[in-house]
N, C-alpha and C. Protein backbone atom coordinates (compact mmCIF):
# COMPACT_ATOMS: atom_id res chain seq x y z
N UNK A 1 18.34 75.27 -6.56
CA UNK A 1 17.35 75.03 -7.88
C UNK A 1 17.70 73.49 -7.95
N UNK A 2 16.79 73.28 -8.18
CA UNK A 2 16.43 71.80 -8.59
C UNK A 2 16.77 71.28 -9.53
N UNK A 3 18.08 70.06 -9.19
CA UNK A 3 18.18 69.73 -10.63
C UNK A 3 17.81 68.78 -11.31
N UNK A 4 17.77 68.69 -12.63
CA UNK A 4 17.18 67.25 -13.45
C UNK A 4 17.84 66.58 -14.02
N UNK A 5 17.64 65.06 -13.82
CA UNK A 5 18.60 63.86 -14.33
C UNK A 5 17.72 63.09 -15.11
N UNK A 6 18.38 62.94 -16.39
CA UNK A 6 17.40 62.33 -17.55
C UNK A 6 18.41 60.97 -17.23
N UNK A 7 16.99 60.28 -17.74
CA UNK A 7 17.96 58.63 -17.72
C UNK A 7 17.17 58.18 -18.87
N UNK A 8 17.92 57.53 -19.88
CA UNK A 8 16.93 56.89 -21.20
C UNK A 8 17.01 55.20 -21.05
N UNK A 9 15.63 54.62 -21.27
CA UNK A 9 15.88 53.37 -21.15
C UNK A 9 15.06 52.90 -22.26
N UNK A 10 15.43 51.31 -22.85
CA UNK A 10 14.70 50.87 -23.43
C UNK A 10 14.28 49.55 -23.68
N UNK A 11 13.39 49.73 -23.94
CA UNK A 11 12.34 47.63 -24.48
C UNK A 11 12.67 47.54 -25.63
N UNK A 12 13.56 46.09 -25.95
CA UNK A 12 14.03 46.31 -26.87
C UNK A 12 13.07 44.82 -28.01
N UNK A 13 13.22 44.73 -29.14
CA UNK A 13 12.42 43.61 -29.83
C UNK A 13 13.53 43.18 -30.32
N UNK A 14 13.75 41.61 -30.39
CA UNK A 14 14.54 41.04 -31.32
C UNK A 14 14.31 39.57 -31.91
N UNK A 15 14.01 39.48 -32.91
CA UNK A 15 13.41 37.95 -33.28
C UNK A 15 12.69 37.69 -32.71
N UNK A 16 11.19 38.87 -32.82
CA UNK A 16 9.50 38.38 -31.89
C UNK A 16 9.67 38.12 -30.30
N UNK A 17 11.01 38.31 -29.99
CA UNK A 17 10.94 38.49 -28.69
C UNK A 17 11.43 39.45 -27.98
N UNK A 18 11.01 40.14 -26.77
CA UNK A 18 11.19 41.56 -25.75
C UNK A 18 12.40 41.08 -25.32
N UNK A 19 13.47 41.74 -25.27
CA UNK A 19 14.76 42.30 -24.60
C UNK A 19 14.56 42.62 -23.08
N UNK A 20 14.95 41.71 -22.18
CA UNK A 20 15.35 42.47 -20.92
C UNK A 20 16.36 42.29 -20.13
N UNK A 21 17.05 42.84 -19.39
CA UNK A 21 18.08 42.06 -18.31
C UNK A 21 17.29 41.67 -17.18
N UNK A 22 18.17 40.64 -16.46
CA UNK A 22 17.80 39.81 -15.45
C UNK A 22 18.93 40.48 -14.69
N UNK A 23 18.65 40.95 -13.41
CA UNK A 23 19.16 41.22 -12.48
C UNK A 23 19.60 40.59 -11.13
N UNK A 24 20.83 40.13 -10.21
CA UNK A 24 20.84 39.57 -9.15
C UNK A 24 21.98 39.63 -8.78
N UNK A 25 22.12 39.45 -7.61
CA UNK A 25 23.21 39.96 -6.30
C UNK A 25 23.17 38.63 -5.36
N UNK A 26 24.18 37.99 -4.78
CA UNK A 26 24.45 36.82 -3.88
C UNK A 26 23.55 37.46 -2.89
N UNK A 27 22.23 36.99 -2.33
CA UNK A 27 21.20 36.56 -1.33
C UNK A 27 20.51 37.71 -1.75
N UNK A 28 20.13 38.36 -2.72
CA UNK A 28 18.98 39.36 -2.93
C UNK A 28 18.05 38.42 -4.01
N UNK A 29 16.65 39.38 -4.37
CA UNK A 29 15.96 38.55 -5.10
C UNK A 29 16.04 39.17 -6.86
N UNK A 30 16.00 37.89 -7.18
CA UNK A 30 16.18 38.65 -8.77
C UNK A 30 14.82 39.38 -9.35
N UNK A 31 15.26 39.87 -10.08
CA UNK A 31 14.25 40.88 -11.13
C UNK A 31 14.84 41.24 -12.15
N UNK A 32 14.16 41.64 -13.08
CA UNK A 32 13.98 42.19 -14.64
C UNK A 32 13.63 43.55 -14.76
N UNK A 33 14.67 44.12 -15.29
CA UNK A 33 15.17 45.69 -15.80
C UNK A 33 15.05 45.92 -17.66
N UNK A 34 15.16 47.37 -17.82
CA UNK A 34 15.47 47.41 -19.23
C UNK A 34 17.05 47.78 -19.28
N UNK A 35 17.35 48.06 -20.62
CA UNK A 35 18.67 48.20 -20.97
C UNK A 35 18.44 50.08 -21.26
N UNK A 36 19.72 50.18 -20.63
CA UNK A 36 20.05 51.41 -20.34
C UNK A 36 20.34 52.46 -18.90
N UNK A 37 20.95 53.61 -19.66
CA UNK A 37 21.30 54.41 -18.19
C UNK A 37 20.73 55.84 -18.45
N UNK A 38 21.82 57.21 -17.58
CA UNK A 38 22.12 58.47 -17.50
C UNK A 38 22.09 58.74 -18.88
N UNK A 39 22.00 60.06 -19.21
CA UNK A 39 22.03 60.90 -20.63
C UNK A 39 23.73 61.63 -19.88
N UNK A 40 24.80 61.54 -20.65
CA UNK A 40 25.55 62.54 -19.88
C UNK A 40 25.85 63.37 -20.91
N UNK A 41 26.58 64.38 -20.43
CA UNK A 41 26.71 65.79 -21.20
C UNK A 41 27.28 65.47 -22.29
N UNK A 42 28.09 64.59 -22.91
CA UNK A 42 28.77 64.25 -24.06
C UNK A 42 28.17 63.82 -24.84
N UNK A 43 26.91 63.17 -24.69
CA UNK A 43 25.78 62.77 -25.45
C UNK A 43 24.74 63.83 -26.50
N UNK A 44 24.68 63.42 -27.52
CA UNK A 44 23.89 64.69 -28.78
C UNK A 44 22.74 64.89 -28.11
N UNK A 45 21.80 63.67 -27.77
CA UNK A 45 20.92 63.76 -27.62
C UNK A 45 20.28 62.06 -26.68
N UNK A 46 18.84 62.69 -26.19
CA UNK A 46 18.43 61.10 -25.50
C UNK A 46 18.78 59.89 -25.88
N UNK A 47 18.20 59.87 -27.19
CA UNK A 47 18.24 59.16 -28.65
C UNK A 47 20.03 58.55 -28.39
N UNK A 48 20.78 59.42 -28.96
CA UNK A 48 22.02 59.10 -28.97
C UNK A 48 22.25 58.40 -27.48
N UNK A 49 22.18 58.79 -26.62
CA UNK A 49 22.54 58.18 -25.36
C UNK A 49 21.87 56.61 -24.95
N UNK A 50 20.66 56.57 -25.65
CA UNK A 50 20.06 55.29 -25.80
C UNK A 50 21.20 54.25 -26.63
N UNK A 51 21.14 54.68 -27.68
CA UNK A 51 21.93 53.71 -28.92
C UNK A 51 23.20 53.74 -27.78
N UNK A 52 23.72 54.63 -27.25
CA UNK A 52 25.58 54.40 -26.54
C UNK A 52 25.22 53.52 -25.21
N UNK A 53 24.07 53.64 -24.87
CA UNK A 53 23.35 52.63 -23.56
C UNK A 53 23.91 50.91 -23.58
N UNK A 54 22.57 51.04 -25.07
CA UNK A 54 22.34 49.63 -25.71
C UNK A 54 23.58 49.20 -26.04
N UNK A 55 24.56 49.75 -26.98
CA UNK A 55 25.75 49.15 -27.15
C UNK A 55 26.78 48.57 -25.66
N UNK A 56 27.07 49.58 -24.99
CA UNK A 56 27.97 49.22 -23.73
C UNK A 56 27.14 48.27 -22.94
N UNK A 57 26.05 47.84 -22.61
CA UNK A 57 25.46 46.98 -22.12
C UNK A 57 25.04 45.71 -22.46
N UNK A 58 25.00 45.59 -23.80
CA UNK A 58 24.62 44.08 -24.55
C UNK A 58 25.20 44.15 -25.46
N UNK A 59 26.26 45.23 -26.37
CA UNK A 59 26.69 45.18 -27.63
C UNK A 59 25.56 44.86 -28.82
N UNK A 60 24.92 45.70 -28.75
CA UNK A 60 23.85 45.94 -29.86
C UNK A 60 23.64 46.79 -30.61
N UNK A 61 22.83 47.48 -31.83
CA UNK A 61 22.45 48.15 -32.11
C UNK A 61 21.37 48.18 -32.41
N UNK A 62 20.51 49.35 -32.83
CA UNK A 62 18.93 49.44 -32.57
C UNK A 62 18.64 50.48 -34.07
N UNK A 63 17.10 50.23 -34.08
CA UNK A 63 16.86 50.66 -35.03
C UNK A 63 15.97 52.18 -34.61
N UNK A 64 15.14 52.83 -35.94
CA UNK A 64 14.57 54.11 -34.89
C UNK A 64 13.88 53.34 -33.34
N UNK A 65 14.13 54.85 -32.66
CA UNK A 65 13.55 54.41 -31.00
C UNK A 65 12.39 55.19 -31.20
N UNK A 66 11.49 54.49 -30.60
CA UNK A 66 10.25 55.74 -29.86
C UNK A 66 9.67 55.79 -29.15
N UNK A 67 9.56 56.90 -28.02
CA UNK A 67 9.16 57.16 -26.82
C UNK A 67 7.72 56.93 -26.53
N UNK A 68 7.79 56.05 -25.65
CA UNK A 68 6.25 55.71 -25.07
C UNK A 68 5.69 55.94 -23.77
N UNK A 69 6.71 56.12 -23.05
CA UNK A 69 6.36 56.48 -21.59
C UNK A 69 7.52 57.31 -21.05
N UNK A 70 7.20 58.41 -20.06
CA UNK A 70 7.92 59.20 -19.15
C UNK A 70 7.43 58.94 -17.90
N UNK A 71 8.53 58.53 -17.05
CA UNK A 71 8.02 58.82 -15.49
C UNK A 71 9.32 59.63 -14.93
N UNK A 72 8.20 60.35 -14.27
CA UNK A 72 9.49 61.50 -13.29
C UNK A 72 8.81 61.38 -11.66
N UNK A 73 10.23 61.69 -11.29
CA UNK A 73 9.88 60.90 -9.65
C UNK A 73 10.76 62.39 -9.05
N UNK A 74 9.71 63.27 -8.69
CA UNK A 74 10.79 64.45 -8.10
C UNK A 74 11.31 64.13 -6.73
N UNK A 75 12.37 65.37 -6.96
CA UNK A 75 13.45 64.93 -5.45
C UNK A 75 13.39 66.32 -4.48
N UNK A 76 14.08 66.57 -3.57
CA UNK A 76 13.93 67.38 -2.57
C UNK A 76 15.08 68.89 -4.10
N UNK A 77 16.67 67.52 -3.99
CA UNK A 77 17.84 68.23 -4.73
C UNK A 77 17.76 68.19 -6.44
N UNK A 78 16.86 66.50 -6.41
CA UNK A 78 16.94 66.21 -7.65
C UNK A 78 15.92 65.34 -8.13
N UNK A 79 15.17 65.93 -9.72
CA UNK A 79 14.54 65.17 -10.17
C UNK A 79 14.86 64.18 -11.35
N UNK A 80 14.63 62.92 -11.05
CA UNK A 80 14.88 62.36 -11.81
C UNK A 80 13.40 62.12 -13.20
N UNK A 81 13.98 61.92 -14.44
CA UNK A 81 13.28 61.55 -15.85
C UNK A 81 13.47 60.57 -16.51
N UNK A 82 12.69 59.55 -16.90
CA UNK A 82 13.26 58.62 -17.02
C UNK A 82 12.61 58.40 -18.32
N UNK A 83 12.83 58.26 -19.48
CA UNK A 83 12.21 58.09 -20.62
C UNK A 83 12.60 56.73 -21.61
N UNK A 84 11.18 56.19 -21.99
CA UNK A 84 11.58 54.66 -21.93
C UNK A 84 10.94 54.86 -23.67
N UNK A 85 11.71 54.23 -24.68
CA UNK A 85 11.56 53.44 -25.75
C UNK A 85 11.24 52.51 -26.28
N UNK A 86 10.87 52.10 -27.31
CA UNK A 86 10.93 50.66 -27.82
C UNK A 86 12.00 51.17 -28.88
N UNK A 87 12.09 49.48 -29.40
CA UNK A 87 13.32 49.73 -30.61
C UNK A 87 13.31 48.18 -30.71
N UNK A 88 13.83 48.19 -32.34
CA UNK A 88 14.10 46.63 -33.14
C UNK A 88 15.86 46.75 -33.05
N UNK A 89 15.95 45.54 -31.99
CA UNK A 89 17.24 45.21 -32.18
C UNK A 89 18.20 44.97 -33.71
N UNK A 90 19.36 45.14 -34.59
CA UNK A 90 19.39 44.82 -35.42
C UNK A 90 20.67 43.83 -35.51
N UNK A 91 21.52 43.98 -34.26
CA UNK A 91 22.51 43.12 -34.42
C UNK A 91 23.06 42.67 -32.64
N UNK A 92 23.58 42.10 -32.47
CA UNK A 92 23.92 42.07 -30.85
C UNK A 92 25.11 40.86 -31.17
N UNK A 93 26.13 41.09 -30.68
CA UNK A 93 27.05 40.72 -29.97
C UNK A 93 27.78 41.22 -28.78
N UNK A 94 27.63 40.00 -27.52
CA UNK A 94 27.81 40.50 -26.42
C UNK A 94 29.48 41.10 -26.36
N UNK A 95 30.56 40.57 -26.84
CA UNK A 95 32.10 40.92 -27.03
C UNK A 95 32.08 42.40 -27.27
N UNK A 96 31.21 43.47 -27.79
CA UNK A 96 31.30 44.45 -28.22
C UNK A 96 30.81 44.99 -26.59
N UNK A 97 30.29 45.13 -26.04
CA UNK A 97 30.25 45.40 -24.71
C UNK A 97 31.40 46.12 -23.80
N UNK A 98 30.90 47.31 -23.39
CA UNK A 98 32.39 47.73 -22.57
C UNK A 98 31.53 48.69 -21.79
N UNK A 99 32.77 49.51 -20.77
CA UNK A 99 32.23 50.54 -19.77
C UNK A 99 33.09 49.93 -18.43
N UNK A 100 33.41 51.11 -17.92
CA UNK A 100 34.36 50.63 -16.75
C UNK A 100 33.72 49.87 -15.66
N UNK A 101 32.51 50.06 -15.42
CA UNK A 101 31.52 49.06 -14.36
C UNK A 101 31.82 47.84 -14.53
N UNK A 102 32.06 47.04 -15.93
CA UNK A 102 31.68 45.52 -15.87
C UNK A 102 32.75 44.99 -15.33
N UNK A 103 33.87 45.17 -14.82
CA UNK A 103 34.68 44.90 -13.97
C UNK A 103 34.71 44.85 -12.44
N UNK A 104 33.20 45.84 -12.08
CA UNK A 104 33.11 46.16 -10.60
C UNK A 104 32.03 44.91 -10.26
N UNK A 105 32.71 44.58 -8.80
CA UNK A 105 31.48 43.33 -8.45
C UNK A 105 30.30 43.77 -7.71
N UNK A 106 30.65 45.17 -7.52
CA UNK A 106 29.27 45.96 -7.02
C UNK A 106 28.55 45.84 -7.68
N UNK A 107 28.45 46.11 -9.32
CA UNK A 107 27.32 46.13 -10.31
C UNK A 107 26.29 45.07 -10.10
N UNK A 108 27.15 44.10 -9.60
CA UNK A 108 26.13 42.51 -9.67
C UNK A 108 26.17 42.20 -11.27
N UNK A 109 25.57 40.89 -11.21
CA UNK A 109 25.40 39.88 -12.20
C UNK A 109 24.41 40.25 -12.85
N UNK A 110 23.93 40.10 -14.54
CA UNK A 110 23.13 40.19 -15.17
C UNK A 110 23.22 38.99 -16.50
N UNK A 111 21.78 38.41 -16.79
CA UNK A 111 21.34 37.44 -17.79
C UNK A 111 20.93 38.65 -18.83
N UNK A 112 20.93 38.40 -20.20
CA UNK A 112 20.21 38.87 -21.37
C UNK A 112 19.07 38.05 -21.56
N UNK A 113 17.68 38.17 -20.74
CA UNK A 113 16.52 37.41 -21.50
C UNK A 113 15.90 37.81 -22.67
N UNK A 114 15.17 36.98 -22.99
CA UNK A 114 13.70 37.20 -24.23
C UNK A 114 12.92 36.28 -23.70
N UNK A 115 12.04 37.26 -24.18
CA UNK A 115 10.50 36.51 -23.45
C UNK A 115 9.52 36.81 -24.73
N UNK A 116 8.25 36.16 -24.69
CA UNK A 116 7.09 36.63 -25.86
C UNK A 116 6.44 37.83 -25.33
N UNK A 117 6.44 38.71 -26.65
CA UNK A 117 5.77 40.11 -26.11
C UNK A 117 3.74 39.93 -26.04
N UNK A 118 3.68 39.14 -24.61
CA UNK A 118 2.34 38.91 -24.13
C UNK A 118 2.68 39.20 -22.48
N UNK A 119 1.57 39.36 -22.29
CA UNK A 119 1.28 40.00 -20.79
C UNK A 119 1.48 38.59 -20.21
N UNK A 120 0.98 37.62 -20.09
CA UNK A 120 1.12 36.54 -19.44
C UNK A 120 2.40 35.87 -19.53
N UNK A 121 3.68 35.92 -20.24
CA UNK A 121 5.09 35.87 -20.43
C UNK A 121 5.61 36.99 -19.53
N UNK A 122 5.17 38.21 -19.18
CA UNK A 122 5.91 39.49 -18.77
C UNK A 122 5.43 39.60 -17.02
N UNK A 123 4.10 38.95 -16.74
CA UNK A 123 4.32 39.03 -15.41
C UNK A 123 5.09 38.06 -14.38
N UNK A 124 5.94 36.89 -14.91
CA UNK A 124 6.51 36.54 -14.13
C UNK A 124 7.92 37.08 -13.95
N UNK A 125 8.43 38.28 -14.62
CA UNK A 125 9.81 38.51 -14.70
C UNK A 125 9.84 39.56 -13.32
N UNK A 126 8.97 39.77 -12.67
CA UNK A 126 8.93 40.86 -11.52
C UNK A 126 9.87 42.23 -12.62
N UNK A 127 9.56 42.57 -13.60
CA UNK A 127 9.70 43.74 -14.04
C UNK A 127 9.37 45.18 -12.98
N UNK A 128 10.88 45.95 -13.62
CA UNK A 128 11.36 47.03 -12.34
C UNK A 128 11.30 48.24 -13.62
N UNK A 129 10.99 48.82 -12.91
CA UNK A 129 9.73 49.35 -12.07
C UNK A 129 8.26 49.23 -12.66
N UNK A 130 7.71 49.14 -11.16
CA UNK A 130 6.00 48.48 -11.39
C UNK A 130 5.51 49.53 -12.62
N UNK A 131 5.17 50.75 -12.47
CA UNK A 131 4.54 51.55 -13.56
C UNK A 131 4.91 51.16 -15.01
N UNK A 132 6.29 50.57 -15.44
CA UNK A 132 6.56 50.38 -16.72
C UNK A 132 6.07 48.81 -16.79
N UNK A 133 5.97 48.24 -15.77
CA UNK A 133 5.17 46.61 -16.07
C UNK A 133 4.06 46.90 -15.80
N UNK A 134 2.87 47.64 -15.29
CA UNK A 134 1.86 47.74 -15.27
C UNK A 134 1.46 48.10 -16.76
N UNK A 135 2.46 49.36 -17.21
CA UNK A 135 2.05 49.94 -18.71
C UNK A 135 2.15 48.70 -19.98
N UNK A 136 3.11 47.62 -19.58
CA UNK A 136 3.27 47.03 -20.66
C UNK A 136 2.69 45.74 -20.34
N UNK A 137 1.66 45.57 -19.45
CA UNK A 137 1.01 44.63 -19.07
C UNK A 137 -0.24 44.95 -19.99
N UNK A 138 -0.88 46.36 -20.02
CA UNK A 138 -1.96 47.20 -20.49
C UNK A 138 -1.78 47.05 -22.08
N UNK A 139 -0.66 47.42 -22.73
CA UNK A 139 -0.41 47.64 -24.15
C UNK A 139 0.23 46.71 -24.89
N UNK A 140 0.73 45.87 -24.34
CA UNK A 140 2.33 45.23 -25.03
C UNK A 140 1.49 44.43 -26.36
N UNK A 141 0.25 44.47 -26.09
CA UNK A 141 -0.79 43.49 -27.61
C UNK A 141 -0.94 44.63 -28.41
N UNK A 142 -1.10 45.88 -27.85
CA UNK A 142 -1.58 46.57 -28.89
C UNK A 142 -0.88 47.46 -29.57
N UNK A 143 0.58 46.84 -29.33
CA UNK A 143 1.56 48.08 -29.96
C UNK A 143 1.56 47.37 -31.61
N UNK A 144 2.09 48.23 -32.53
CA UNK A 144 2.26 47.76 -33.71
C UNK A 144 3.03 46.68 -34.09
N UNK A 145 3.06 46.28 -35.30
CA UNK A 145 4.03 44.98 -35.39
C UNK A 145 5.11 45.36 -35.85
N UNK A 146 6.21 44.70 -35.19
CA UNK A 146 7.50 45.73 -35.37
C UNK A 146 7.72 44.80 -36.22
N UNK A 147 9.12 45.25 -37.38
CA UNK A 147 10.04 44.89 -37.96
C UNK A 147 10.60 43.91 -37.98
N UNK A 148 11.13 42.50 -38.34
CA UNK A 148 11.60 41.51 -38.39
C UNK A 148 12.76 41.95 -37.98
N UNK A 149 13.78 41.45 -37.10
CA UNK A 149 15.08 41.90 -37.17
C UNK A 149 16.06 41.07 -38.00
N UNK A 150 17.31 41.34 -38.19
CA UNK A 150 18.54 40.75 -38.91
C UNK A 150 19.75 40.18 -38.09
N UNK A 151 20.29 39.11 -38.48
CA UNK A 151 21.68 38.79 -37.93
C UNK A 151 21.43 38.18 -36.47
N UNK A 152 20.33 37.76 -36.11
CA UNK A 152 20.25 37.95 -34.99
C UNK A 152 20.30 35.61 -34.52
N UNK A 153 20.95 35.91 -33.27
CA UNK A 153 20.86 34.46 -33.23
C UNK A 153 19.80 33.99 -32.19
N UNK A 154 19.06 32.86 -32.31
CA UNK A 154 18.33 31.95 -31.33
C UNK A 154 17.95 32.62 -29.81
N UNK A 155 17.24 32.46 -29.56
CA UNK A 155 16.63 33.25 -28.19
C UNK A 155 17.92 32.25 -26.70
N UNK A 156 18.44 32.80 -26.19
CA UNK A 156 19.48 32.33 -25.14
C UNK A 156 19.43 33.54 -23.91
N UNK A 157 20.48 33.00 -23.57
CA UNK A 157 20.77 33.45 -21.73
C UNK A 157 22.20 34.07 -22.10
N UNK A 158 22.59 35.43 -21.76
CA UNK A 158 23.57 35.87 -22.08
C UNK A 158 24.72 36.24 -20.57
N UNK A 159 25.62 35.46 -20.60
CA UNK A 159 25.47 35.93 -18.70
C UNK A 159 26.54 37.19 -18.53
N UNK A 160 26.65 37.83 -17.75
CA UNK A 160 27.54 39.40 -17.61
C UNK A 160 27.64 39.95 -16.62
N UNK A 161 28.11 41.27 -16.74
CA UNK A 161 27.91 42.02 -15.38
C UNK A 161 27.54 43.15 -15.80
N UNK A 162 25.90 43.72 -15.40
CA UNK A 162 25.74 45.15 -15.57
C UNK A 162 26.78 46.31 -15.59
N UNK A 163 26.33 47.37 -16.38
CA UNK A 163 27.40 48.51 -15.89
C UNK A 163 26.54 49.77 -14.40
N UNK A 164 25.35 49.19 -14.33
CA UNK A 164 24.47 50.10 -14.07
C UNK A 164 23.49 49.19 -13.38
N UNK A 165 22.96 49.66 -11.95
CA UNK A 165 21.54 49.54 -11.28
C UNK A 165 20.71 50.31 -12.23
N UNK A 166 19.60 50.37 -11.55
CA UNK A 166 18.72 50.73 -12.47
C UNK A 166 18.04 52.01 -11.99
N UNK A 167 18.88 52.24 -10.95
CA UNK A 167 18.90 53.94 -10.58
C UNK A 167 20.09 54.52 -11.47
N UNK A 168 20.50 53.96 -12.40
CA UNK A 168 21.96 54.67 -13.05
C UNK A 168 23.18 54.17 -11.85
N UNK A 169 22.98 53.47 -10.81
CA UNK A 169 24.56 53.57 -9.84
C UNK A 169 24.33 52.42 -10.07
N UNK A 170 26.17 52.29 -9.81
CA UNK A 170 26.55 50.34 -9.49
C UNK A 170 26.05 49.34 -7.95
N UNK A 171 25.66 50.33 -7.20
CA UNK A 171 25.32 50.08 -6.34
C UNK A 171 23.78 49.93 -6.12
N UNK A 172 22.99 50.57 -7.05
CA UNK A 172 21.53 50.23 -6.53
C UNK A 172 20.98 48.77 -6.36
N UNK A 173 20.08 48.97 -5.61
CA UNK A 173 19.38 47.67 -5.43
C UNK A 173 17.98 47.45 -6.38
N UNK A 174 17.22 46.30 -5.64
CA UNK A 174 16.01 46.60 -6.70
C UNK A 174 15.30 47.67 -6.25
N UNK A 175 14.55 48.43 -7.28
CA UNK A 175 13.60 49.75 -7.20
C UNK A 175 12.63 49.77 -6.45
N UNK A 176 12.04 50.78 -5.39
CA UNK A 176 11.10 50.90 -4.95
C UNK A 176 9.87 51.67 -5.77
N UNK A 177 9.00 51.35 -5.52
CA UNK A 177 7.70 52.90 -6.37
C UNK A 177 8.00 53.88 -5.46
N UNK A 178 7.88 55.01 -6.28
CA UNK A 178 7.84 56.09 -5.22
C UNK A 178 6.41 57.02 -5.53
N UNK A 179 6.10 57.30 -4.42
CA UNK A 179 4.50 57.77 -4.27
C UNK A 179 4.26 58.83 -4.90
N UNK A 180 5.37 59.56 -5.04
CA UNK A 180 5.40 60.80 -6.16
C UNK A 180 5.85 60.66 -8.20
N UNK A 181 6.02 59.44 -8.26
CA UNK A 181 5.87 59.26 -9.26
C UNK A 181 4.89 59.81 -10.26
N UNK A 182 5.02 60.39 -11.42
CA UNK A 182 3.96 60.81 -12.34
C UNK A 182 4.65 60.10 -13.44
N UNK A 183 3.35 59.47 -14.17
CA UNK A 183 3.85 58.89 -15.34
C UNK A 183 3.10 59.12 -16.21
N UNK A 184 3.63 59.51 -17.76
CA UNK A 184 3.08 59.75 -18.73
C UNK A 184 3.46 58.71 -19.89
N UNK A 185 2.27 58.08 -20.41
CA UNK A 185 2.09 57.48 -21.26
C UNK A 185 1.96 57.63 -22.84
N UNK A 186 2.26 57.47 -23.61
CA UNK A 186 1.61 57.49 -24.68
C UNK A 186 0.74 55.91 -25.49
N UNK A 187 0.03 56.42 -26.55
CA UNK A 187 -1.12 55.15 -26.79
C UNK A 187 -0.32 54.82 -27.90
N UNK A 188 -0.65 53.21 -28.76
CA UNK A 188 -0.34 52.83 -29.71
C UNK A 188 -0.66 53.91 -30.96
N UNK A 189 -1.15 54.36 -30.99
CA UNK A 189 -1.66 55.26 -32.12
C UNK A 189 -0.42 56.19 -32.14
N UNK A 190 -0.56 56.88 -31.04
CA UNK A 190 0.54 58.48 -30.90
C UNK A 190 2.24 57.71 -31.55
N UNK A 191 2.53 56.37 -30.77
CA UNK A 191 3.77 55.67 -31.37
C UNK A 191 3.94 55.78 -33.10
N UNK A 192 2.82 55.20 -33.65
CA UNK A 192 2.41 55.35 -35.13
C UNK A 192 3.14 56.68 -35.58
N UNK A 193 2.39 57.76 -35.24
CA UNK A 193 2.98 58.91 -35.69
C UNK A 193 4.25 59.53 -35.58
N UNK A 194 4.55 58.80 -34.20
CA UNK A 194 6.16 58.56 -33.66
C UNK A 194 7.27 58.44 -34.63
N UNK A 195 6.84 57.45 -35.59
CA UNK A 195 7.55 56.31 -36.12
C UNK A 195 8.36 57.08 -37.39
N UNK A 196 7.44 57.88 -37.96
CA UNK A 196 7.88 58.60 -39.02
C UNK A 196 8.93 59.60 -38.99
N UNK A 197 8.65 60.44 -37.50
CA UNK A 197 10.14 61.37 -37.13
C UNK A 197 10.38 60.57 -35.63
N UNK A 198 11.37 59.64 -35.45
CA UNK A 198 11.77 59.41 -34.16
C UNK A 198 12.32 60.13 -33.33
N UNK A 199 13.07 61.28 -33.90
CA UNK A 199 13.69 62.25 -33.02
C UNK A 199 13.06 63.71 -32.74
N UNK A 200 11.71 63.57 -32.54
CA UNK A 200 11.10 64.46 -32.58
C UNK A 200 10.55 64.34 -30.73
N UNK A 201 10.51 65.42 -30.33
CA UNK A 201 10.45 65.75 -28.73
C UNK A 201 11.40 64.76 -27.92
N UNK A 202 12.93 64.59 -28.54
CA UNK A 202 13.70 63.82 -27.69
C UNK A 202 14.28 64.71 -27.16
N UNK A 203 14.94 66.15 -28.01
CA UNK A 203 15.84 67.22 -27.45
C UNK A 203 16.02 67.88 -26.17
N UNK A 204 16.38 67.74 -25.69
CA UNK A 204 16.28 68.11 -23.74
C UNK A 204 15.97 69.28 -23.74
N UNK A 205 16.96 70.29 -24.53
CA UNK A 205 16.36 71.90 -24.48
C UNK A 205 15.08 72.42 -24.66
N UNK A 206 13.96 71.33 -24.91
CA UNK A 206 12.78 71.15 -24.78
C UNK A 206 12.12 71.37 -23.69
N UNK A 207 12.52 70.06 -23.31
CA UNK A 207 11.99 69.67 -21.87
C UNK A 207 12.77 70.88 -20.80
N UNK A 208 14.14 71.38 -21.11
CA UNK A 208 14.59 72.60 -19.95
C UNK A 208 13.55 73.69 -20.31
N UNK A 209 13.05 74.29 -21.42
CA UNK A 209 12.30 75.08 -21.76
C UNK A 209 11.06 75.16 -20.85
N UNK A 210 10.48 74.04 -21.14
CA UNK A 210 8.75 73.73 -20.64
C UNK A 210 9.36 73.42 -19.42
N UNK A 211 10.38 73.33 -18.60
CA UNK A 211 10.04 72.76 -16.66
C UNK A 211 10.84 74.32 -16.59
N UNK A 212 12.02 74.86 -16.98
CA UNK A 212 12.92 75.93 -16.32
C UNK A 212 13.60 75.51 -15.32
N UNK A 213 13.74 74.12 -15.50
CA UNK A 213 14.44 73.49 -15.12
C UNK A 213 15.86 73.40 -15.26
N UNK A 214 17.04 73.58 -14.57
CA UNK A 214 18.56 72.92 -15.42
C UNK A 214 18.85 71.31 -15.30
N UNK A 215 19.48 70.77 -16.28
CA UNK A 215 19.45 69.40 -16.30
C UNK A 215 20.87 69.36 -15.40
N UNK A 216 20.80 68.18 -14.67
CA UNK A 216 22.42 67.99 -14.10
C UNK A 216 23.21 68.22 -14.30
């Protein structure tokens, strides 16, 4: 039986900037990706997993999370479903980061970077995966105005160590686009409706019931 592994990631907004992670290894090509990771059995739901990952990786708390894009990568034994959310950063303190992978050199280094919410600012980032980058290029200017954040420091880079690679493991490197990736996007108008009920459509049991596939 094919297993499904769910992954949650966030495009974050802080102080009128988008927040990403810049990843790099010695001798490798740097690129940017989103904060996030895998949904664990002890997580109450995907949104709870997202909040945990954001705290672990950048020491931040976030407001309501709205899912705007789903990428599905079918595999022979495991299908990976990545859920992308957008959310406001309420506060951020890198000293609150945690997780056993922080001290593992194989996870590589990262910097928290902030860029203007404009396609021209996103293109130089080498944002991964390509499907997410394409969606943001096309829709970032159409998204509703995000609420201003509070307790945020000025834009800066914060060096540290990532706890996971882009595929959810420490040794992953720059992800490649898979020919079989299925993209499910949501329009800004759909996001507006979801904002009133940010938890709608997030429970894994609904996904399992629809697909008939057990989670990993």
